[in-house]
Protein backbone atom coordinates (compact mmCIF):
# COMPACT_ATOMS: atom_id res chain seq x y z
CA UNK A 1 0.00 0.00 0.00
CA UNK A 2 2.82 2.44 0.77
CA UNK A 3 4.30 1.85 -2.68
CA UNK A 4 0.95 2.79 -4.25
CA UNK A 5 0.86 5.98 -2.20
CA UNK A 6 4.42 6.85 -3.18
CA UNK A 7 3.46 6.70 -6.86
CA UNK A 8 0.11 8.39 -6.36
CA UNK A 9 1.57 11.35 -4.47
CA UNK A 10 4.54 11.92 -6.77
CA UNK A 11 3.97 14.87 -9.08
CA UNK A 12 5.50 15.85 -12.43
CA UNK A 13 6.68 19.03 -10.67
CA UNK A 14 8.79 16.93 -8.30
CA UNK A 15 10.43 15.26 -11.29
CA UNK A 16 11.11 18.60 -12.98
CA UNK A 17 12.61 19.97 -9.76
CA UNK A 18 14.94 17.00 -9.35
CA UNK A 19 15.97 16.94 -13.02
CA UNK A 20 15.54 20.45 -14.45
CA UNK A 21 16.93 21.31 -17.88
CA UNK A 22 20.26 22.40 -16.36
CA UNK A 23 20.76 19.03 -14.64
CA UNK A 24 19.74 17.17 -17.79
CA UNK A 25 22.30 19.15 -19.76
CA UNK A 26 25.02 18.36 -17.20
CA UNK A 27 24.24 14.64 -17.48
CA UNK A 28 24.10 14.87 -21.29
CA UNK A 29 27.50 16.59 -21.33
CA UNK A 30 29.05 14.00 -18.98
CA UNK A 31 27.77 11.18 -21.19
CA UNK A 32 28.97 12.86 -24.37
CA UNK A 33 32.44 13.45 -22.94
CA UNK A 34 32.72 9.87 -21.73
CA UNK A 35 31.49 8.37 -24.98
CA UNK A 36 34.38 9.96 -26.86
CA UNK A 37 36.83 7.46 -25.41
CA UNK A 38 35.08 4.11 -25.94
CA UNK A 39 32.38 2.27 -27.87
CA UNK A 40 29.86 2.14 -25.05
CA UNK A 41 26.66 4.10 -25.54
CA UNK A 42 24.77 5.29 -22.48
CA UNK A 43 21.11 6.21 -22.31
CA UNK A 44 19.93 7.86 -19.07
CA UNK A 45 16.18 7.58 -18.45
CA UNK A 46 14.27 9.07 -15.52
CA UNK A 47 10.63 8.24 -14.78
CA UNK A 48 8.92 10.12 -12.00
CA UNK A 49 6.33 7.46 -11.27
CA UNK A 50 4.29 4.72 -12.92
CA UNK A 51 0.63 4.17 -13.68
CA UNK A 52 -0.99 2.71 -10.56
CA UNK A 53 -1.97 -0.47 -12.42
CA UNK A 54 1.72 -1.28 -12.91
CA UNK A 55 2.46 -0.66 -9.24
CA UNK A 56 -0.55 -2.74 -8.16
CA UNK A 57 0.55 -5.61 -10.41
CA UNK A 58 3.87 -5.76 -8.57
CA UNK A 59 6.08 -4.72 -11.47
CA UNK A 60 9.70 -4.44 -10.41
CA UNK A 61 12.08 -1.63 -11.26
CA UNK A 62 14.30 -4.13 -13.04
CA UNK A 63 11.39 -5.35 -15.18
CA UNK A 64 10.60 -1.77 -16.19
CA UNK A 65 14.25 -1.08 -16.94
CA UNK A 66 14.33 -4.15 -19.19
CA UNK A 67 11.24 -2.87 -21.02
CA UNK A 68 12.85 0.50 -21.64
CA UNK A 69 16.13 -1.18 -22.62
CA UNK A 70 14.25 -2.90 -25.43
CA UNK A 71 11.84 -0.12 -26.38
CA UNK A 72 14.55 2.53 -26.62
CA UNK A 73 16.82 0.12 -28.51
CA UNK A 74 19.75 0.46 -26.11
CA UNK A 75 20.72 -3.05 -27.21
CA UNK A 76 21.02 -1.95 -30.85
CA UNK A 77 24.64 -0.78 -30.90
CA UNK A 78 27.36 -1.99 -33.24
CA UNK A 79 29.38 -3.72 -30.53
CA UNK A 80 26.50 -4.65 -28.20
CA UNK A 81 27.85 -2.05 -25.79
CA UNK A 82 24.69 -0.17 -24.85
CA UNK A 83 24.14 0.85 -21.23
CA UNK A 84 20.84 1.97 -19.74
CA UNK A 85 20.80 3.98 -16.53
CA UNK A 86 17.17 3.86 -15.41
CA UNK A 87 15.90 5.97 -12.51
CA UNK A 88 12.49 5.57 -10.88
CA UNK A 89 12.48 8.85 -9.04
CA UNK A 90 9.56 8.44 -6.62
CA UNK A 91 11.16 5.28 -5.19
CA UNK A 92 14.75 6.60 -5.48
CA UNK A 93 15.68 3.39 -7.27
CA UNK A 94 18.25 2.94 -10.01
CA UNK A 95 18.92 0.07 -12.40
CA UNK A 96 21.91 -0.06 -14.71
CA UNK A 97 21.63 -2.57 -17.53
CA UNK A 98 24.48 -3.35 -19.88
CA UNK A 99 24.20 -5.10 -23.21
CA UNK A 100 25.91 -8.46 -23.65
CA UNK A 101 29.07 -6.88 -25.10
CA UNK A 102 29.73 -5.33 -21.69
CA UNK A 103 27.49 -7.28 -19.35
CA UNK A 104 29.51 -10.45 -19.67
CA UNK A 105 32.82 -8.65 -19.16
CA UNK A 106 31.72 -6.39 -16.30
CA UNK A 107 30.28 -8.21 -13.33
CA UNK A 108 26.90 -7.27 -11.85
CA UNK A 109 28.55 -6.24 -8.59
CA UNK A 110 30.05 -3.20 -10.37
CA UNK A 111 26.64 -2.05 -11.57
CA UNK A 112 25.04 -2.75 -8.16
CA UNK A 113 27.66 -0.62 -6.42
CA UNK A 114 27.07 2.28 -8.81
CA UNK A 115 23.30 1.99 -8.31
CA UNK A 116 23.73 2.03 -4.53
CA UNK A 117 25.88 5.18 -4.73
CA UNK A 118 23.39 6.93 -6.99
CA UNK A 119 20.45 5.99 -4.76
CA UNK A 120 22.25 7.33 -1.68
CA UNK A 121 22.83 10.66 -3.42
CA UNK A 122 19.20 10.81 -4.60
CA UNK A 123 17.86 10.06 -1.10
CA UNK A 124 19.95 13.03 0.10
CA UNK A 125 18.42 15.22 -2.63
CA UNK A 126 21.68 15.45 -4.62
CA UNK A 127 20.28 14.47 -8.02
CA UNK A 128 22.79 16.28 -10.21
CA UNK A 129 25.76 15.11 -8.16
CA UNK A 130 24.44 11.56 -7.97
CA UNK A 131 24.04 11.46 -11.73
CA UNK A 132 26.91 13.54 -13.09
CA UNK A 133 29.71 12.35 -10.81
CA UNK A 134 28.81 8.70 -11.26
CA UNK A 135 28.49 8.81 -15.06
CA UNK A 136 32.31 8.93 -15.46
CA UNK A 137 32.59 5.97 -13.10
CA UNK A 138 30.05 4.04 -15.18
CA UNK A 139 32.06 5.04 -18.27
CA UNK A 140 35.34 3.75 -16.85
CA UNK A 141 34.23 0.15 -17.28
CA UNK A 142 33.33 0.35 -20.99
CA UNK A 143 36.68 2.10 -21.56
CA UNK A 144 38.51 -0.81 -19.95
CA UNK A 145 36.60 -3.39 -21.99
CA UNK A 146 36.40 -1.67 -25.37
CA UNK A 147 39.85 -0.05 -25.42
CA UNK A 148 41.07 -2.60 -27.99
CA UNK A 149 38.48 -1.36 -30.46
CA UNK A 150 39.23 1.63 -32.67
CA UNK A 151 38.29 4.96 -31.10
CA UNK A 152 35.41 6.80 -32.69
CA UNK A 153 33.93 10.25 -32.28
CA UNK A 154 30.25 10.88 -31.77
CA UNK A 155 28.83 14.08 -33.05
CA UNK A 156 25.80 14.48 -30.83
CA UNK A 157 25.26 14.85 -27.11
CA UNK A 158 24.45 11.97 -24.80
CA UNK A 159 20.84 10.84 -24.57
CA UNK A 160 18.93 11.84 -21.43
CA UNK A 161 15.19 11.20 -21.23
CA UNK A 162 13.18 12.61 -18.36
CA UNK A 163 9.85 11.12 -19.19
CA UNK A 164 6.87 13.34 -18.67
CA UNK A 165 3.58 11.73 -17.80
CA UNK A 166 2.50 11.46 -21.44
CA UNK A 167 5.82 10.05 -22.62
CA UNK A 168 5.94 7.53 -19.80
CA UNK A 169 2.42 6.45 -20.70
CA UNK A 170 3.60 5.95 -24.27
CA UNK A 171 6.45 3.73 -23.11
CA UNK A 172 4.00 1.78 -20.93
CA UNK A 173 1.54 1.41 -23.82
CA UNK A 174 4.31 0.15 -26.13
CA UNK A 175 5.44 -2.34 -23.50
CA UNK A 176 1.91 -3.64 -22.97
CA UNK A 177 1.39 -4.07 -26.74
CA UNK A 178 4.50 -6.23 -26.99
CA UNK A 179 3.34 -8.65 -24.26
Foldseek 3Di string as FASTA:
>chain_A
DVLLVLQVPFDLVVLCVLCPPVLLVLLLQLQQVLLQQFQEAEAEEEEAHAPSVCVVVPDDPVNLQVLCCVVVVQCPGPQSFGWYWYAHQSVLFIFIDGGPSQDVVDDVVLRVVLRVQLSVCSVVSNNSCSRNVSSNVVSVRRSVRGVVPDGDHDDDTHHYHYDDPVRNVVSVVVSVVVD
